Amino acid sequence: MTTNAPNDVDIELRMLVEAVYLKYNYDFRDYTGASQKRRVVAAMREMGCDTVSALQAKVMHEPNGFAQLLQYLTIPVTEMFRDPEYFLAVREQVVPFLRTYPSLKIWVAGCSTGEEVYSLAILLKEEGLLERSIIYATDINPESLEAARRGVFPLERMRLYTENYQKAGGKQAFSDYYVAAYGGVLFDRSLVENVTFADHSLATDSVFSETHFVSCRNVLIYFNRRLQDRVFGLFHESLCHRGFLGLGSKESIDFSSYATRFEPLARRERLFRKVSP
């Protein structure tokens, strides 16, 4: 007789994320299992733990244990102007509507180490909208947020970023936006003068502002259906009348309970618009 009972590792993993939630109020309980398991296994290896239970003990009782684990649970996988066709669609199909507002509020949810924030800021600057925009850049990882604030990126990534920028409709030399500094490149600080970097959890926190455009890319793929629905609800509540939502290339709103509350603006590029009630 076979059963669907969870194995020991799955049980330990469930206990770990529950302990993290209870002690630190970081909620990973509705993150997808396979991805989460891979990240926990990597953390065990690097933190010298033979079992998930041993990792849990370290996270609960050692001062730096949770901060270490958090770097594995929120591994940033990003690049500037990632999926250039997305940014080109924003430039060509969203910006004309954004121009009609006297001021703009934009939310980059799950901003990681800031590559998307700087990409959007460059795009808005070139379209004459940056000075009248307030950008909220949020993430749950304090180290990632600090890296985003610094705006220092590896020099060896600039060739790829330049190619992406050009494909995204860039209007000048990408190198105009940065200088060599700190063993890498430092991006122009004027790009983030109107950016607020803030700790915010899509799993537990609420909406904090009415926005015209929400960009949340390659974050929802790590959430199960229940958490995805919660997040779409947050975005729907945050967006103003007929506001815009951008998702990652492998993400979809189609099977969400909010599917009828958004209409595709550029379906292939994952850009949507809030439907009027």
Protein backbone atom coordinates (compact mmCIF):
# COMPACT_ATOMS: atom_id res chain seq x y z
CA MET A 1 0.00 0.00 0.00
CA THR A 2 1.43 3.36 -1.02
CA THR A 3 0.71 6.66 0.67
CA ASN A 4 1.33 10.28 -0.13
CA ALA A 5 2.85 10.91 3.28
CA PRO A 6 5.69 13.47 3.19
CA ASN A 7 9.20 12.14 3.64
CA ASP A 8 11.47 13.19 6.50
CA VAL A 9 13.17 15.97 4.54
CA ASP A 10 9.82 17.48 3.53
CA ILE A 11 8.67 17.38 7.15
CA GLU A 12 11.88 19.03 8.34
CA LEU A 13 11.60 21.66 5.62
CA ARG A 14 8.07 22.49 6.68
CA MET A 15 9.22 22.81 10.28
CA LEU A 16 12.09 25.09 9.22
CA VAL A 17 9.92 27.57 7.32
CA GLU A 18 7.36 27.55 10.13
CA ALA A 19 10.11 28.30 12.66
CA VAL A 20 11.43 31.14 10.47
CA TYR A 21 7.94 32.60 10.27
CA LEU A 22 7.28 32.34 14.00
CA LYS A 23 10.63 33.77 15.10
CA TYR A 24 11.52 36.25 12.35
CA ASN A 25 8.14 36.96 10.68
CA TYR A 26 9.50 36.05 7.24
CA ASP A 27 6.90 33.92 5.51
CA PHE A 28 8.21 31.30 3.06
CA ARG A 29 5.39 28.83 3.73
CA ASP A 30 3.74 29.34 0.34
CA TYR A 31 6.90 29.29 -1.77
CA THR A 32 7.07 26.43 -4.26
CA GLY A 33 8.57 23.26 -2.80
CA ALA A 34 11.15 22.19 -5.38
CA SER A 35 12.85 25.56 -5.64
CA GLN A 36 12.80 26.08 -1.91
CA LYS A 37 14.26 22.62 -1.29
CA ARG A 38 17.17 23.30 -3.69
CA ARG A 39 17.98 26.53 -1.91
CA VAL A 40 17.82 24.96 1.54
CA VAL A 41 20.10 22.13 0.42
CA ALA A 42 22.59 24.70 -0.85
CA ALA A 43 22.39 26.55 2.48
CA MET A 44 22.98 23.30 4.38
CA ARG A 45 26.09 22.60 2.33
CA GLU A 46 27.57 26.06 2.74
CA MET A 47 26.63 26.41 6.41
CA GLY A 48 28.03 22.99 7.37
CA CYS A 49 24.77 21.26 8.31
CA ASP A 50 24.07 17.59 7.62
CA THR A 51 20.30 17.83 8.08
CA VAL A 52 17.56 20.41 7.77
CA SER A 53 17.01 20.06 11.51
CA ALA A 54 20.63 21.01 12.16
CA LEU A 55 20.17 24.03 9.89
CA GLN A 56 17.04 24.98 11.80
CA ALA A 57 18.95 24.83 15.11
CA LYS A 58 21.64 27.13 13.68
CA VAL A 59 19.05 29.56 12.33
CA MET A 60 17.17 29.64 15.64
CA HIS A 61 20.10 29.89 18.03
CA GLU A 62 23.09 31.49 16.29
CA PRO A 63 23.05 35.29 15.91
CA ASN A 64 23.95 35.33 12.22
CA GLY A 65 22.22 32.08 11.26
CA PHE A 66 19.04 33.54 9.82
CA ALA A 67 20.85 36.31 7.93
CA GLN A 68 22.97 33.62 6.26
CA LEU A 69 19.96 31.47 5.37
CA LEU A 70 18.09 34.46 3.95
CA GLN A 71 20.79 34.91 1.29
CA TYR A 72 19.99 31.40 -0.01
CA LEU A 73 16.19 31.67 0.25
CA THR A 74 16.23 34.90 -1.77
CA ILE A 75 19.00 34.22 -4.30
CA PRO A 76 18.97 37.16 -6.72
CA VAL A 77 18.93 36.12 -10.38
CA THR A 78 18.72 39.32 -12.37
CA GLU A 79 20.37 41.60 -14.90
CA MET A 80 19.85 45.09 -16.28
CA PHE A 81 17.23 45.34 -19.04
CA ARG A 82 16.59 41.61 -18.67
CA ASP A 83 14.25 40.47 -21.46
CA PRO A 84 14.83 43.66 -23.50
CA GLU A 85 11.54 43.22 -25.36
CA TYR A 86 9.74 43.85 -22.05
CA PHE A 87 11.44 47.22 -21.61
CA LEU A 88 10.88 48.08 -25.26
CA ALA A 89 7.16 47.38 -24.78
CA VAL A 90 7.13 49.54 -21.65
CA ARG A 91 8.80 52.33 -23.62
CA GLU A 92 6.46 52.07 -26.59
CA GLN A 93 3.14 51.02 -25.05
CA VAL A 94 3.09 52.09 -21.39
CA VAL A 95 5.06 55.35 -21.44
CA PRO A 96 2.56 57.17 -23.74
CA PHE A 97 -0.11 56.65 -21.06
CA LEU A 98 2.24 57.54 -18.20
CA ARG A 99 2.95 60.87 -19.92
CA THR A 100 -0.66 61.89 -19.29
CA TYR A 101 -0.14 62.01 -15.50
CA PRO A 102 1.33 65.10 -13.80
CA SER A 103 3.20 62.86 -11.38
CA LEU A 104 3.90 59.14 -11.25
CA LYS A 105 4.29 56.44 -8.62
CA ILE A 106 5.94 53.20 -9.69
CA TRP A 107 6.45 50.06 -7.61
CA VAL A 108 9.25 47.62 -8.38
CA ALA A 109 8.26 44.67 -6.20
CA GLY A 110 10.98 42.13 -5.42
CA CYS A 111 13.69 44.50 -6.64
CA SER A 112 16.57 42.24 -5.51
CA THR A 113 19.94 43.99 -5.98
CA GLY A 114 18.46 46.81 -8.04
CA GLU A 115 19.20 46.03 -11.67
CA GLU A 116 15.58 46.48 -12.72
CA VAL A 117 15.24 49.68 -10.70
CA TYR A 118 18.17 51.30 -12.50
CA SER A 119 16.90 49.98 -15.85
CA LEU A 120 13.49 51.57 -15.34
CA ALA A 121 15.05 54.79 -14.06
CA ILE A 122 17.18 55.05 -17.21
CA LEU A 123 14.14 54.41 -19.41
CA LEU A 124 12.08 57.03 -17.55
CA LYS A 125 14.94 59.54 -17.75
CA GLU A 126 15.20 59.10 -21.51
CA GLU A 127 11.45 59.56 -21.86
CA GLY A 128 11.46 62.73 -19.73
CA LEU A 129 9.48 61.18 -16.88
CA LEU A 130 12.05 60.46 -14.16
CA GLU A 131 11.90 63.86 -12.45
CA ARG A 132 8.15 63.55 -11.89
CA SER A 133 8.31 59.90 -10.79
CA ILE A 134 8.54 58.38 -7.34
CA ILE A 135 9.78 54.78 -7.45
CA TYR A 136 9.22 52.35 -4.59
CA ALA A 137 11.77 49.53 -4.76
CA THR A 138 10.98 46.75 -2.29
CA ASP A 139 12.45 43.42 -1.27
CA ILE A 140 12.62 41.18 1.79
CA ASN A 141 16.41 40.82 1.76
CA PRO A 142 18.22 43.66 3.59
CA GLU A 143 21.57 42.83 1.94
CA SER A 144 20.01 42.97 -1.53
CA LEU A 145 18.37 46.31 -0.73
CA GLU A 146 21.69 47.72 0.45
CA ALA A 147 23.37 46.56 -2.76
CA ALA A 148 20.58 48.24 -4.72
CA ARG A 149 21.09 51.49 -2.82
CA ARG A 150 24.83 51.44 -3.58
CA GLY A 151 24.30 50.94 -7.31
CA VAL A 152 27.67 49.27 -7.87
CA PHE A 153 27.70 46.43 -10.40
CA PRO A 154 30.45 44.21 -11.85
CA LEU A 155 32.37 45.68 -14.78
CA GLU A 156 32.29 42.34 -16.59
CA ARG A 157 28.49 42.52 -16.76
CA MET A 158 28.45 45.80 -18.68
CA ARG A 159 28.83 44.23 -22.11
CA LEU A 160 25.67 42.14 -21.62
CA TYR A 161 23.83 45.06 -20.02
CA THR A 162 24.80 47.33 -22.92
CA GLU A 163 23.44 44.82 -25.44
CA ASN A 164 20.21 44.52 -23.47
CA TYR A 165 19.90 48.30 -23.23
CA GLN A 166 20.32 48.73 -26.96
CA LYS A 167 17.73 46.05 -27.72
CA ALA A 168 15.37 47.76 -25.26
CA GLY A 169 15.39 50.94 -27.35
CA GLY A 170 18.14 52.81 -25.50
CA LYS A 171 18.68 56.32 -26.85
CA GLN A 172 22.30 57.07 -25.98
CA ALA A 173 25.57 55.42 -24.94
CA PHE A 174 24.91 53.13 -21.99
CA SER A 175 28.34 54.02 -20.58
CA ASP A 176 27.08 57.58 -20.00
CA TYR A 177 25.18 56.27 -17.00
CA TYR A 178 28.09 54.90 -14.97
CA VAL A 179 31.71 55.47 -13.95
CA ALA A 180 34.38 53.03 -12.82
CA ALA A 181 34.45 52.85 -9.01
CA TYR A 182 34.80 50.44 -6.07
CA GLY A 183 36.22 47.66 -8.25
CA GLY A 184 33.16 47.77 -10.53
CA VAL A 185 30.96 50.48 -11.98
CA LEU A 186 28.92 53.03 -10.03
CA PHE A 187 25.68 54.18 -11.61
CA ASP A 188 24.69 57.83 -11.73
CA ARG A 189 23.20 58.72 -8.35
CA SER A 190 20.66 61.05 -9.97
CA LEU A 191 18.89 57.92 -11.24
CA VAL A 192 17.81 57.01 -7.72
CA GLU A 193 17.19 60.45 -6.20
CA ASN A 194 13.45 59.73 -6.25
CA VAL A 195 13.72 56.03 -5.33
CA THR A 196 12.64 54.76 -1.93
CA PHE A 197 14.24 51.39 -1.11
CA ALA A 198 12.13 49.59 1.48
CA ASP A 199 11.74 46.23 3.20
CA HIS A 200 8.41 44.75 2.12
CA SER A 201 7.13 41.18 2.03
CA LEU A 202 4.61 40.21 -0.62
CA ALA A 203 3.66 37.28 1.63
CA THR A 204 2.76 39.24 4.76
CA ASP A 205 2.69 43.01 4.16
CA SER A 206 -0.06 45.21 2.76
CA VAL A 207 -0.27 47.85 0.05
CA PHE A 208 1.48 51.10 0.94
CA SER A 209 0.63 53.50 -1.90
CA GLU A 210 -1.53 54.06 -4.95
CA THR A 211 0.63 53.43 -8.00
CA HIS A 212 0.41 53.87 -11.77
CA PHE A 213 2.70 51.01 -12.73
CA VAL A 214 3.78 47.88 -10.84
CA SER A 215 6.68 45.82 -12.17
CA CYS A 216 7.16 42.47 -10.44
CA ARG A 217 9.24 40.17 -12.59
CA ASN A 218 10.54 36.66 -11.95
CA VAL A 219 9.28 36.66 -8.37
CA LEU A 220 5.90 34.93 -8.67
CA ILE A 221 7.48 31.82 -10.21
CA TYR A 222 8.68 30.96 -6.69
CA PHE A 223 5.18 31.24 -5.15
CA ASN A 224 2.41 28.68 -5.04
CA ARG A 225 -1.04 29.49 -6.41
CA ARG A 226 -2.43 30.75 -3.12
CA LEU A 227 0.40 33.22 -2.58
CA GLN A 228 0.27 34.32 -6.22
CA ASP A 229 -3.41 35.18 -5.75
CA ARG A 230 -2.57 37.19 -2.65
CA VAL A 231 0.07 39.13 -4.55
CA PHE A 232 -2.19 39.84 -7.53
CA GLY A 233 -4.71 41.15 -5.02
CA LEU A 234 -2.08 43.51 -3.59
CA PHE A 235 -1.19 44.78 -7.04
CA HIS A 236 -4.82 45.25 -8.02
CA GLU A 237 -5.45 47.23 -4.84
CA SER A 238 -2.27 49.28 -5.30
CA LEU A 239 -2.86 50.26 -8.92
CA CYS A 240 -4.82 53.37 -9.77
CA HIS A 241 -7.72 53.37 -12.24
CA ARG A 242 -6.44 51.67 -15.42
CA GLY A 243 -2.93 51.23 -13.98
CA PHE A 244 -0.31 48.90 -15.49
CA LEU A 245 1.22 45.62 -14.31
CA GLY A 246 4.39 43.99 -15.67
CA LEU A 247 5.35 40.36 -15.00
CA GLY A 248 8.30 38.10 -15.84
CA SER A 249 8.54 36.13 -19.08
CA LYS A 250 7.53 32.83 -17.42
CA GLU A 251 4.74 34.27 -15.30
CA SER A 252 1.04 34.46 -16.05
CA ILE A 253 -2.09 35.92 -14.55
CA ASP A 254 -4.35 33.69 -16.67
CA PHE A 255 -5.16 31.06 -14.03
CA SER A 256 -5.37 33.49 -11.13
CA SER A 257 -8.65 34.51 -9.52
CA TYR A 258 -7.68 38.03 -10.68
CA ALA A 259 -7.43 37.06 -14.36
CA THR A 260 -10.61 38.97 -15.30
CA ARG A 261 -9.48 42.09 -13.46
CA PHE A 262 -6.61 42.74 -15.85
CA GLU A 263 -6.49 42.89 -19.64
CA PRO A 264 -3.40 42.20 -21.76
CA LEU A 265 -1.67 45.26 -23.16
CA ALA A 266 1.25 43.28 -24.60
CA ARG A 267 0.61 39.63 -23.75
CA ARG A 268 3.87 38.21 -25.07
CA GLU A 269 5.86 40.77 -23.06
CA ARG A 270 3.64 40.19 -20.00
CA LEU A 271 2.25 43.71 -19.70
CA PHE A 272 -1.31 44.09 -18.41
CA ARG A 273 -3.72 46.88 -17.56
CA LYS A 274 -6.18 47.02 -14.68
CA VAL A 275 -9.76 46.64 -15.85
CA SER A 276 -12.26 49.25 -14.73
CA PRO A 277 -14.69 47.89 -12.12
